Amino acid sequence: MSAGASTRVAAPAPAGPARSGSGLVRTALPPVLLGLVAILLWQGAVTVLAIKPFILPGPFAIGEQFTANLQNVLNGMAVTGRNALIGLVLGAIVGVLLAILSALVRVFDEMAAPVVAAFAVVPIVALAPVLYTMFGANAETARQLVAALAVFVPVYFNTLKGLRMVRPVHRDLMRSYAASNWQATKTVTLPTAVPFVFTGLRIASSLAVISALIAEYFGGPVGGLGKSITSAASSSNYGLAWAYVLGSIILGLLLYCAALGLEKLVSRRAPTA
C-alpha cells in the first residue's frame, strides 16, 4: 500500500425518521395485538357461553353504544376530565410545595408525616358527601377537592423521596460554597427530584380520574361519567353503561399520556452533565 493511500471507514448511517418510526411500531404493535386478541376472546366467550348483558356485555355491543352515543360520552368526559385536571394540578402543586418544605424543615416533616398518612386512607365514599354539604350540591368543588386529595398523597411521597436522593458529596460541595438551604435545594436537590415528581404525577393522573368519577356517584351536579354510568345501569342499559366506562378509561389514558409527554419534554430540555 502506498504512502498516499488511506483506509476509508464507512460512517454509520444516522438514525433517521424511518428508524425511529420502526422503533415506534415495535413498541406499539405488541400491546395493540394483545388488545385485539383480548377483545376477540371476550366477544367469543360472550357469544359461545351466552353471557347475559347485565353480567358482561360483549365488546361489539359496547362499541356500538359508544359510537351511537359518542356526543354524550364526550360531554361526560369533558365534565369529569375538567374536575380531574383541576384536582391534578391543585394536588400536585400542594404536594410538591409541602414536600420541599418537609425536606428543608425536619420539624415540619415529623409533624406532616402522620397527617399525610391519614390523608392516604381517607375513604372517598365518606368524604364526598361531606364536601357536597360544605360547598353545595350544585358546585363541582367537592369533586375537584376529592381528586386533589387523591393526587396529593403520591406526589408528596414521591417528591419527598426524590428530594432525599441527593448524594452526600453534592451536599458537601454546596456547603463548601456557603450556599443556603434554598440555594442548595434549587441547584442540586430539585433537579435530582424531577424524575420522582413525574413518577408521582403519572400515578396521580389515573387516580385523579378515578376519584373524580367515584365522587360523582354520591351527589353533585348532573353530568360527568359517574352520573352517566349510574343512570344507564339503573335503566338496565348495560351496554351504554360500559360505553361510559370505556370513556373513563380513555380519559385516564389521555391524562397519563399527557403526564408522560410532559416528563419527556422536561427531560429533553434539562441540561445534561
C-alpha atoms as a PDB file:
ATOM      1  CA  MET A   1       0.000   0.000   0.000  1.00  0.00           C
ATOM      2  CA  SER A   2       1.414   3.397  -0.995  1.00  0.00           C
ATOM      3  CA  ALA A   3       2.055   6.175   1.485  1.00  0.00           C
ATOM      4  CA  GLY A   4      -0.628   8.318  -0.073  1.00  0.00           C
ATOM      5  CA  ALA A   5      -3.195   5.629   0.215  1.00  0.00           C
ATOM      6  CA  SER A   6      -5.672   5.829   3.074  1.00  0.00           C
ATOM      7  CA  THR A   7      -8.155   3.459   4.563  1.00  0.00           C
ATOM      8  CA  ARG A   8     -11.708   4.585   4.312  1.00  0.00           C
ATOM      9  CA  VAL A   9     -14.108   3.593   7.022  1.00  0.00           C
ATOM     10  CA  ALA A  10     -17.777   3.955   6.279  1.00  0.00           C
ATOM     11  CA  ALA A  11     -19.511   6.130   8.845  1.00  0.00           C
ATOM     12  CA  PRO A  12     -22.654   4.655  10.387  1.00  0.00           C
ATOM     13  CA  ALA A  13     -25.834   5.980   8.894  1.00  0.00           C
ATOM     14  CA  PRO A  14     -27.616   8.425  11.182  1.00  0.00           C
ATOM     15  CA  ALA A  15     -30.811   7.303  12.756  1.00  0.00           C
ATOM     16  CA  GLY A  16     -33.461   8.854  10.568  1.00  0.00           C
ATOM     17  CA  PRO A  17     -37.243   9.069  10.653  1.00  0.00           C
ATOM     18  CA  ALA A  18     -37.571   5.565   9.207  1.00  0.00           C
ATOM     19  CA  ARG A  19     -35.541   4.062  12.005  1.00  0.00           C
ATOM     20  CA  SER A  20     -37.421   5.926  14.719  1.00  0.00           C
ATOM     21  CA  GLY A  21     -40.691   5.004  13.022  1.00  0.00           C
ATOM     22  CA  SER A  22     -39.812   1.313  13.059  1.00  0.00           C
ATOM     23  CA  GLY A  23     -38.950   1.591  16.750  1.00  0.00           C
ATOM     24  CA  LEU A  24     -42.352   3.165  17.399  1.00  0.00           C
ATOM     25  CA  VAL A  25     -44.044   0.324  15.529  1.00  0.00           C
ATOM     26  CA  ARG A  26     -42.143  -2.290  17.536  1.00  0.00           C
ATOM     27  CA  THR A  27     -43.177  -0.555  20.749  1.00  0.00           C
ATOM     28  CA  ALA A  28     -46.850  -0.033  19.880  1.00  0.00           C
ATOM     29  CA  LEU A  29     -47.596  -3.186  17.898  1.00  0.00           C
ATOM     30  CA  PRO A  30     -47.435  -5.812  20.709  1.00  0.00           C
ATOM     31  CA  PRO A  31     -49.959  -4.098  23.044  1.00  0.00           C
ATOM     32  CA  VAL A  32     -52.261  -3.375  20.099  1.00  0.00           C
ATOM     33  CA  LEU A  33     -52.184  -7.018  19.005  1.00  0.00           C
ATOM     34  CA  LEU A  34     -52.711  -8.173  22.588  1.00  0.00           C
ATOM     35  CA  GLY A  35     -55.702  -5.843  22.909  1.00  0.00           C
ATOM     36  CA  LEU A  36     -57.236  -7.147  19.680  1.00  0.00           C
ATOM     37  CA  VAL A  37     -56.775 -10.753  20.785  1.00  0.00           C
ATOM     38  CA  ALA A  38     -58.338  -9.977  24.169  1.00  0.00           C
ATOM     39  CA  ILE A  39     -61.346  -8.299  22.502  1.00  0.00           C
ATOM     40  CA  LEU A  40     -61.888 -11.257  20.171  1.00  0.00           C
ATOM     41  CA  LEU A  41     -61.626 -13.743  23.044  1.00  0.00           C
ATOM     42  CA  TRP A  42     -64.017 -11.614  25.092  1.00  0.00           C
ATOM     43  CA  GLN A  43     -66.582 -11.478  22.269  1.00  0.00           C
ATOM     44  CA  GLY A  44     -66.186 -15.189  21.622  1.00  0.00           C
ATOM     45  CA  ALA A  45     -66.748 -16.044  25.281  1.00  0.00           C
ATOM     46  CA  VAL A  46     -69.865 -13.850  25.469  1.00  0.00           C
ATOM     47  CA  THR A  47     -71.280 -15.443  22.297  1.00  0.00           C
ATOM     48  CA  VAL A  48     -70.418 -19.081  22.999  1.00  0.00           C
ATOM     49  CA  LEU A  49     -71.335 -19.040  26.686  1.00  0.00           C
ATOM     50  CA  ALA A  50     -74.435 -16.859  26.103  1.00  0.00           C
ATOM     51  CA  ILE A  51     -73.455 -14.469  28.894  1.00  0.00           C
ATOM     52  CA  LYS A  52     -76.292 -12.095  29.753  1.00  0.00           C
ATOM     53  CA  PRO A  53     -75.676  -8.363  29.139  1.00  0.00           C
ATOM     54  CA  PHE A  54     -76.327  -7.458  32.781  1.00  0.00           C
ATOM     55  CA  ILE A  55     -73.389  -9.724  33.709  1.00  0.00           C
ATOM     56  CA  LEU A  56     -70.994  -8.761  30.923  1.00  0.00           C
ATOM     57  CA  PRO A  57     -71.945  -7.304  27.523  1.00  0.00           C
ATOM     58  CA  GLY A  58     -69.812  -8.072  24.514  1.00  0.00           C
ATOM     59  CA  PRO A  59     -67.216  -5.573  23.278  1.00  0.00           C
ATOM     60  CA  PHE A  60     -69.025  -5.205  19.948  1.00  0.00           C
ATOM     61  CA  ALA A  61     -72.212  -4.148  21.753  1.00  0.00           C
ATOM     62  CA  ILE A  62     -70.208  -1.727  23.883  1.00  0.00           C
ATOM     63  CA  GLY A  63     -68.562  -0.277  20.782  1.00  0.00           C
ATOM     64  CA  GLU A  64     -71.951   0.113  19.102  1.00  0.00           C
ATOM     65  CA  GLN A  65     -73.322   2.019  22.093  1.00  0.00           C
ATOM     66  CA  PHE A  66     -70.141   4.084  22.296  1.00  0.00           C
ATOM     67  CA  THR A  67     -70.394   5.274  18.692  1.00  0.00           C
ATOM     68  CA  ALA A  68     -74.169   5.779  18.864  1.00  0.00           C
ATOM     69  CA  ASN A  69     -73.852   7.950  21.989  1.00  0.00           C
ATOM     70  CA  LEU A  70     -70.465   9.470  21.209  1.00  0.00           C
ATOM     71  CA  GLN A  71     -71.526  13.064  21.915  1.00  0.00           C
ATOM     72  CA  ASN A  72     -72.958  12.167  25.322  1.00  0.00           C
ATOM     73  CA  VAL A  73     -69.802  10.246  26.188  1.00  0.00           C
ATOM     74  CA  LEU A  74     -67.631  13.180  25.128  1.00  0.00           C
ATOM     75  CA  ASN A  75     -69.740  15.560  27.214  1.00  0.00           C
ATOM     76  CA  GLY A  76     -69.306  13.331  30.246  1.00  0.00           C
ATOM     77  CA  MET A  77     -65.573  13.055  29.583  1.00  0.00           C
ATOM     78  CA  ALA A  78     -65.342  16.848  29.435  1.00  0.00           C
ATOM     79  CA  VAL A  79     -67.016  17.297  32.837  1.00  0.00           C
ATOM     80  CA  THR A  80     -65.088  14.544  34.601  1.00  0.00           C
ATOM     81  CA  GLY A  81     -61.864  15.456  32.811  1.00  0.00           C
ATOM     82  CA  ARG A  82     -62.091  19.092  33.873  1.00  0.00           C
ATOM     83  CA  ASN A  83     -62.595  18.122  37.512  1.00  0.00           C
ATOM     84  CA  ALA A  84     -59.784  15.574  37.349  1.00  0.00           C
ATOM     85  CA  LEU A  85     -57.422  18.050  35.698  1.00  0.00           C
ATOM     86  CA  ILE A  86     -58.130  20.786  38.252  1.00  0.00           C
ATOM     87  CA  GLY A  87     -57.637  18.279  41.047  1.00  0.00           C
ATOM     88  CA  LEU A  88     -54.426  17.021  39.442  1.00  0.00           C
ATOM     89  CA  VAL A  89     -52.911  20.495  39.153  1.00  0.00           C
ATOM     90  CA  LEU A  90     -54.016  21.572  42.629  1.00  0.00           C
ATOM     91  CA  GLY A  91     -52.917  18.366  44.344  1.00  0.00           C
ATOM     92  CA  ALA A  92     -49.578  18.307  42.506  1.00  0.00           C
ATOM     93  CA  ILE A  93     -48.729  21.912  43.411  1.00  0.00           C
ATOM     94  CA  VAL A  94     -49.579  21.423  47.086  1.00  0.00           C
ATOM     95  CA  GLY A  95     -47.782  18.076  47.183  1.00  0.00           C
ATOM     96  CA  VAL A  96     -44.559  19.409  45.677  1.00  0.00           C
ATOM     97  CA  LEU A  97     -44.507  22.547  47.846  1.00  0.00           C
ATOM     98  CA  LEU A  98     -45.139  20.644  51.084  1.00  0.00           C
ATOM     99  CA  ALA A  99     -42.547  18.022  50.133  1.00  0.00           C
ATOM    100  CA  ILE A 100     -39.946  20.767  49.636  1.00  0.00           C
ATOM    101  CA  LEU A 101     -40.875  22.249  52.997  1.00  0.00           C
ATOM    102  CA  SER A 102     -40.596  18.842  54.650  1.00  0.00           C
ATOM    103  CA  ALA A 103     -37.164  18.311  53.101  1.00  0.00           C
ATOM    104  CA  LEU A 104     -35.953  21.699  54.356  1.00  0.00           C
ATOM    105  CA  VAL A 105     -37.522  21.691  57.850  1.00  0.00           C
ATOM    106  CA  ARG A 106     -37.178  18.453  59.818  1.00  0.00           C
ATOM    107  CA  VAL A 107     -39.743  19.502  62.447  1.00  0.00           C
ATOM    108  CA  PHE A 108     -42.372  20.088  59.768  1.00  0.00           C
ATOM    109  CA  ASP A 109     -41.517  16.718  58.215  1.00  0.00           C
ATOM    110  CA  GLU A 110     -42.092  14.927  61.512  1.00  0.00           C
ATOM    111  CA  MET A 111     -45.418  16.703  62.019  1.00  0.00           C
ATOM    112  CA  ALA A 112     -46.611  16.224  58.424  1.00  0.00           C
ATOM    113  CA  ALA A 113     -45.821  12.501  58.108  1.00  0.00           C
ATOM    114  CA  PRO A 114     -48.767  11.201  60.206  1.00  0.00           C
ATOM    115  CA  VAL A 115     -51.146  13.755  58.684  1.00  0.00           C
ATOM    116  CA  VAL A 116     -50.284  12.733  55.119  1.00  0.00           C
ATOM    117  CA  ALA A 117     -50.541   9.078  56.095  1.00  0.00           C
ATOM    118  CA  ALA A 118     -54.043   9.806  57.427  1.00  0.00           C
ATOM    119  CA  PHE A 119     -54.966  11.534  54.149  1.00  0.00           C
ATOM    120  CA  ALA A 120     -53.864   8.408  52.288  1.00  0.00           C
ATOM    121  CA  VAL A 121     -56.550   6.289  53.966  1.00  0.00           C
ATOM    122  CA  VAL A 122     -59.440   8.780  53.858  1.00  0.00           C
ATOM    123  CA  PRO A 123     -62.328   6.961  52.103  1.00  0.00           C
ATOM    124  CA  ILE A 124     -63.780   8.879  49.172  1.00  0.00           C
ATOM    125  CA  VAL A 125     -67.152   7.274  49.891  1.00  0.00           C
ATOM    126  CA  ALA A 126     -67.295   9.090  53.230  1.00  0.00           C
ATOM    127  CA  LEU A 127     -65.564  12.296  52.167  1.00  0.00           C
ATOM    128  CA  ALA A 128     -67.582  13.181  49.062  1.00  0.00           C
ATOM    129  CA  PRO A 129     -70.979  13.638  50.789  1.00  0.00           C
ATOM    130  CA  VAL A 130     -69.363  15.782  53.496  1.00  0.00           C
ATOM    131  CA  LEU A 131     -67.784  18.056  50.873  1.00  0.00           C
ATOM    132  CA  TYR A 132     -71.088  18.309  48.991  1.00  0.00           C
ATOM    133  CA  THR A 133     -72.672  19.520  52.213  1.00  0.00           C
ATOM    134  CA  MET A 134     -69.900  22.069  52.744  1.00  0.00           C
ATOM    135  CA  PHE A 135     -69.703  23.523  49.206  1.00  0.00           C
ATOM    136  CA  GLY A 136     -73.196  22.856  47.895  1.00  0.00           C
ATOM    137  CA  ALA A 137     -74.661  20.093  45.764  1.00  0.00           C
ATOM    138  CA  ASN A 138     -74.694  22.296  42.646  1.00  0.00           C
ATOM    139  CA  ALA A 139     -70.944  23.006  42.653  1.00  0.00           C
ATOM    140  CA  GLU A 140     -68.124  20.915  41.205  1.00  0.00           C
ATOM    141  CA  THR A 141     -65.819  21.958  44.062  1.00  0.00           C
ATOM    142  CA  ALA A 142     -66.303  18.763  46.050  1.00  0.00           C
ATOM    143  CA  ARG A 143     -65.304  16.551  43.115  1.00  0.00           C
ATOM    144  CA  GLN A 144     -62.229  18.651  42.414  1.00  0.00           C
ATOM    145  CA  LEU A 145     -61.127  18.541  46.062  1.00  0.00           C
ATOM    146  CA  VAL A 146     -61.582  14.779  46.193  1.00  0.00           C
ATOM    147  CA  ALA A 147     -59.387  14.435  43.107  1.00  0.00           C
ATOM    148  CA  ALA A 148     -56.824  16.847  44.569  1.00  0.00           C
ATOM    149  CA  LEU A 149     -56.608  14.820  47.781  1.00  0.00           C
ATOM    150  CA  ALA A 150     -56.055  11.602  45.836  1.00  0.00           C
ATOM    151  CA  VAL A 151     -53.315  13.298  43.801  1.00  0.00           C
ATOM    152  CA  PHE A 152     -51.604  14.970  46.747  1.00  0.00           C
ATOM    153  CA  VAL A 153     -50.502  11.797  48.549  1.00  0.00           C
ATOM    154  CA  PRO A 154     -48.477  10.042  45.789  1.00  0.00           C
ATOM    155  CA  VAL A 155     -46.992  13.325  44.566  1.00  0.00           C
ATOM    156  CA  TYR A 156     -45.931  14.285  48.097  1.00  0.00           C
ATOM    157  CA  PHE A 157     -44.303  10.956  48.930  1.00  0.00           C
ATOM    158  CA  ASN A 158     -42.547  10.573  45.563  1.00  0.00           C
ATOM    159  CA  THR A 159     -41.276  14.161  45.603  1.00  0.00           C
ATOM    160  CA  LEU A 160     -40.019  13.812  49.167  1.00  0.00           C
ATOM    161  CA  LYS A 161     -38.212  10.610  48.244  1.00  0.00           C
ATOM    162  CA  GLY A 162     -36.569  12.353  45.295  1.00  0.00           C
ATOM    163  CA  LEU A 163     -35.507  15.296  47.448  1.00  0.00           C
ATOM    164  CA  ARG A 164     -33.720  12.881  49.770  1.00  0.00           C
ATOM    165  CA  MET A 165     -31.830  11.105  46.982  1.00  0.00           C
ATOM    166  CA  VAL A 166     -29.087  13.719  46.633  1.00  0.00           C
ATOM    167  CA  ARG A 167     -25.598  12.295  47.128  1.00  0.00           C
ATOM    168  CA  PRO A 168     -23.754  13.467  50.258  1.00  0.00           C
ATOM    169  CA  VAL A 169     -20.813  14.638  48.135  1.00  0.00           C
ATOM    170  CA  HIS A 170     -23.101  17.092  46.347  1.00  0.00           C
ATOM    171  CA  ARG A 171     -24.416  18.434  49.631  1.00  0.00           C
ATOM    172  CA  ASP A 172     -20.857  18.835  50.910  1.00  0.00           C
ATOM    173  CA  LEU A 173     -19.939  20.702  47.748  1.00  0.00           C
ATOM    174  CA  MET A 174     -22.798  23.168  48.235  1.00  0.00           C
ATOM    175  CA  ARG A 175     -21.769  23.678  51.861  1.00  0.00           C
ATOM    176  CA  SER A 176     -18.211  24.425  50.750  1.00  0.00           C
ATOM    177  CA  TYR A 177     -19.650  27.201  48.561  1.00  0.00           C
ATOM    178  CA  ALA A 178     -21.545  28.547  51.625  1.00  0.00           C
ATOM    179  CA  ALA A 179     -24.844  28.010  49.828  1.00  0.00           C
ATOM    180  CA  SER A 180     -28.045  28.487  51.767  1.00  0.00           C
ATOM    181  CA  ASN A 181     -30.593  25.685  52.146  1.00  0.00           C
ATOM    182  CA  TRP A 182     -32.772  27.165  49.404  1.00  0.00           C
ATOM    183  CA  GLN A 183     -29.812  27.622  47.037  1.00  0.00           C
ATOM    184  CA  ALA A 184     -28.755  24.005  47.554  1.00  0.00           C
ATOM    185  CA  THR A 185     -32.327  22.866  47.031  1.00  0.00           C
ATOM    186  CA  LYS A 186     -32.759  24.867  43.817  1.00  0.00           C
ATOM    187  CA  THR A 187     -29.368  23.919  42.339  1.00  0.00           C
ATOM    188  CA  VAL A 188     -28.916  20.291  43.335  1.00  0.00           C
ATOM    189  CA  THR A 189     -31.903  18.804  45.109  1.00  0.00           C
ATOM    190  CA  LEU A 190     -34.764  19.821  42.804  1.00  0.00           C
ATOM    191  CA  PRO A 191     -33.112  18.593  39.564  1.00  0.00           C
ATOM    192  CA  THR A 192     -32.473  15.247  41.256  1.00  0.00           C
ATOM    193  CA  ALA A 193     -36.082  15.028  42.396  1.00  0.00           C
ATOM    194  CA  VAL A 194     -37.670  15.799  38.992  1.00  0.00           C
ATOM    195  CA  PRO A 195     -37.929  12.132  37.838  1.00  0.00           C
ATOM    196  CA  PHE A 196     -39.574  11.211  41.146  1.00  0.00           C
ATOM    197  CA  VAL A 197     -42.038  14.100  40.806  1.00  0.00           C
ATOM    198  CA  PHE A 198     -43.130  12.856  37.394  1.00  0.00           C
ATOM    199  CA  THR A 199     -43.428   9.298  38.692  1.00  0.00           C
ATOM    200  CA  GLY A 200     -45.881  10.628  41.254  1.00  0.00           C
ATOM    201  CA  LEU A 201     -47.709  12.610  38.563  1.00  0.00           C
ATOM    202  CA  ARG A 202     -48.116   9.571  36.330  1.00  0.00           C
ATOM    203  CA  ILE A 203     -49.566   7.592  39.206  1.00  0.00           C
ATOM    204  CA  ALA A 204     -51.747  10.511  40.278  1.00  0.00           C
ATOM    205  CA  SER A 205     -53.122  11.171  36.769  1.00  0.00           C
ATOM    206  CA  SER A 206     -55.110   7.934  36.856  1.00  0.00           C
ATOM    207  CA  LEU A 207     -56.093   8.427  40.496  1.00  0.00           C
ATOM    208  CA  ALA A 208     -57.491  11.874  39.658  1.00  0.00           C
ATOM    209  CA  VAL A 209     -59.876  10.403  37.100  1.00  0.00           C
ATOM    210  CA  ILE A 210     -60.912   7.532  39.373  1.00  0.00           C
ATOM    211  CA  SER A 211     -61.518   9.845  42.344  1.00  0.00           C
ATOM    212  CA  ALA A 212     -63.498  12.412  40.347  1.00  0.00           C
ATOM    213  CA  LEU A 213     -65.543   9.578  38.839  1.00  0.00           C
ATOM    214  CA  ILE A 214     -66.342   7.988  42.206  1.00  0.00           C
ATOM    215  CA  ALA A 215     -67.227  11.352  43.742  1.00  0.00           C
ATOM    216  CA  GLU A 216     -69.929  11.754  41.077  1.00  0.00           C
ATOM    217  CA  TYR A 217     -71.778   8.724  42.439  1.00  0.00           C
ATOM    218  CA  PHE A 218     -72.627  10.485  45.715  1.00  0.00           C
ATOM    219  CA  GLY A 219     -74.264  13.695  44.554  1.00  0.00           C
ATOM    220  CA  GLY A 220     -73.399  16.948  42.880  1.00  0.00           C
ATOM    221  CA  PRO A 221     -74.475  18.411  39.546  1.00  0.00           C
ATOM    222  CA  VAL A 222     -75.864  16.233  36.795  1.00  0.00           C
ATOM    223  CA  GLY A 223     -73.150  15.462  34.298  1.00  0.00           C
ATOM    224  CA  GLY A 224     -69.934  13.542  34.249  1.00  0.00           C
ATOM    225  CA  LEU A 225     -69.179   9.924  33.517  1.00  0.00           C
ATOM    226  CA  GLY A 226     -70.018   8.676  37.015  1.00  0.00           C
ATOM    227  CA  LYS A 227     -73.552  10.043  36.892  1.00  0.00           C
ATOM    228  CA  SER A 228     -73.994   8.692  33.368  1.00  0.00           C
ATOM    229  CA  ILE A 229     -72.853   5.197  34.376  1.00  0.00           C
ATOM    230  CA  THR A 230     -75.297   5.025  37.291  1.00  0.00           C
ATOM    231  CA  SER A 231     -78.136   6.403  35.161  1.00  0.00           C
ATOM    232  CA  ALA A 232     -77.545   3.896  32.339  1.00  0.00           C
ATOM    233  CA  ALA A 233     -77.165   0.959  34.735  1.00  0.00           C
ATOM    234  CA  SER A 234     -80.327   1.884  36.667  1.00  0.00           C
ATOM    235  CA  SER A 235     -82.283   1.833  33.403  1.00  0.00           C
ATOM    236  CA  SER A 236     -80.821  -1.611  32.540  1.00  0.00           C
ATOM    237  CA  ASN A 237     -78.923  -0.214  29.556  1.00  0.00           C
ATOM    238  CA  TYR A 238     -75.761  -2.115  30.393  1.00  0.00           C
ATOM    239  CA  GLY A 239     -74.112  -1.646  27.019  1.00  0.00           C
ATOM    240  CA  LEU A 240     -74.387   2.133  27.396  1.00  0.00           C
ATOM    241  CA  ALA A 241     -73.074   1.942  30.977  1.00  0.00           C
ATOM    242  CA  TRP A 242     -69.999   0.100  29.728  1.00  0.00           C
ATOM    243  CA  ALA A 243     -69.644   2.649  26.927  1.00  0.00           C
ATOM    244  CA  TYR A 244     -69.284   5.334  29.594  1.00  0.00           C
ATOM    245  CA  VAL A 245     -66.783   3.096  31.394  1.00  0.00           C
ATOM    246  CA  LEU A 246     -64.836   2.960  28.124  1.00  0.00           C
ATOM    247  CA  GLY A 247     -64.923   6.753  28.039  1.00  0.00           C
ATOM    248  CA  SER A 248     -63.446   6.898  31.544  1.00  0.00           C
ATOM    249  CA  ILE A 249     -60.667   4.513  30.510  1.00  0.00           C
ATOM    250  CA  ILE A 250     -59.838   6.702  27.517  1.00  0.00           C
ATOM    251  CA  LEU A 251     -59.864   9.784  29.747  1.00  0.00           C
ATOM    252  CA  GLY A 252     -57.475   8.161  32.222  1.00  0.00           C
ATOM    253  CA  LEU A 253     -55.132   7.155  29.402  1.00  0.00           C
ATOM    254  CA  LEU A 254     -55.202  10.691  27.990  1.00  0.00           C
ATOM    255  CA  LEU A 255     -54.178  12.212  31.322  1.00  0.00           C
ATOM    256  CA  TYR A 256     -51.500   9.559  31.797  1.00  0.00           C
ATOM    257  CA  CYS A 257     -50.091  10.198  28.313  1.00  0.00           C
ATOM    258  CA  ALA A 258     -50.160  13.953  28.987  1.00  0.00           C
ATOM    259  CA  ALA A 259     -48.123  13.453  32.174  1.00  0.00           C
ATOM    260  CA  LEU A 260     -45.729  11.147  30.326  1.00  0.00           C
ATOM    261  CA  GLY A 261     -45.353  13.635  27.462  1.00  0.00           C
ATOM    262  CA  LEU A 262     -44.660  16.475  29.889  1.00  0.00           C
ATOM    263  CA  GLU A 263     -41.997  14.332  31.551  1.00  0.00           C
ATOM    264  CA  LYS A 264     -40.347  13.634  28.182  1.00  0.00           C
ATOM    265  CA  LEU A 265     -40.422  17.344  27.324  1.00  0.00           C
ATOM    266  CA  VAL A 266     -38.858  18.400  30.617  1.00  0.00           C
ATOM    267  CA  SER A 267     -36.245  15.632  30.430  1.00  0.00           C
ATOM    268  CA  ARG A 268     -35.292  16.663  26.904  1.00  0.00           C
ATOM    269  CA  ARG A 269     -34.833  20.307  27.891  1.00  0.00           C
ATOM    270  CA  ALA A 270     -32.999  19.537  31.142  1.00  0.00           C
ATOM    271  CA  PRO A 271     -29.265  20.222  30.967  1.00  0.00           C
ATOM    272  CA  THR A 272     -27.124  17.114  30.811  1.00  0.00           C
ATOM    273  CA  ALA A 273     -23.858  16.639  32.604  1.00  0.00           C
END
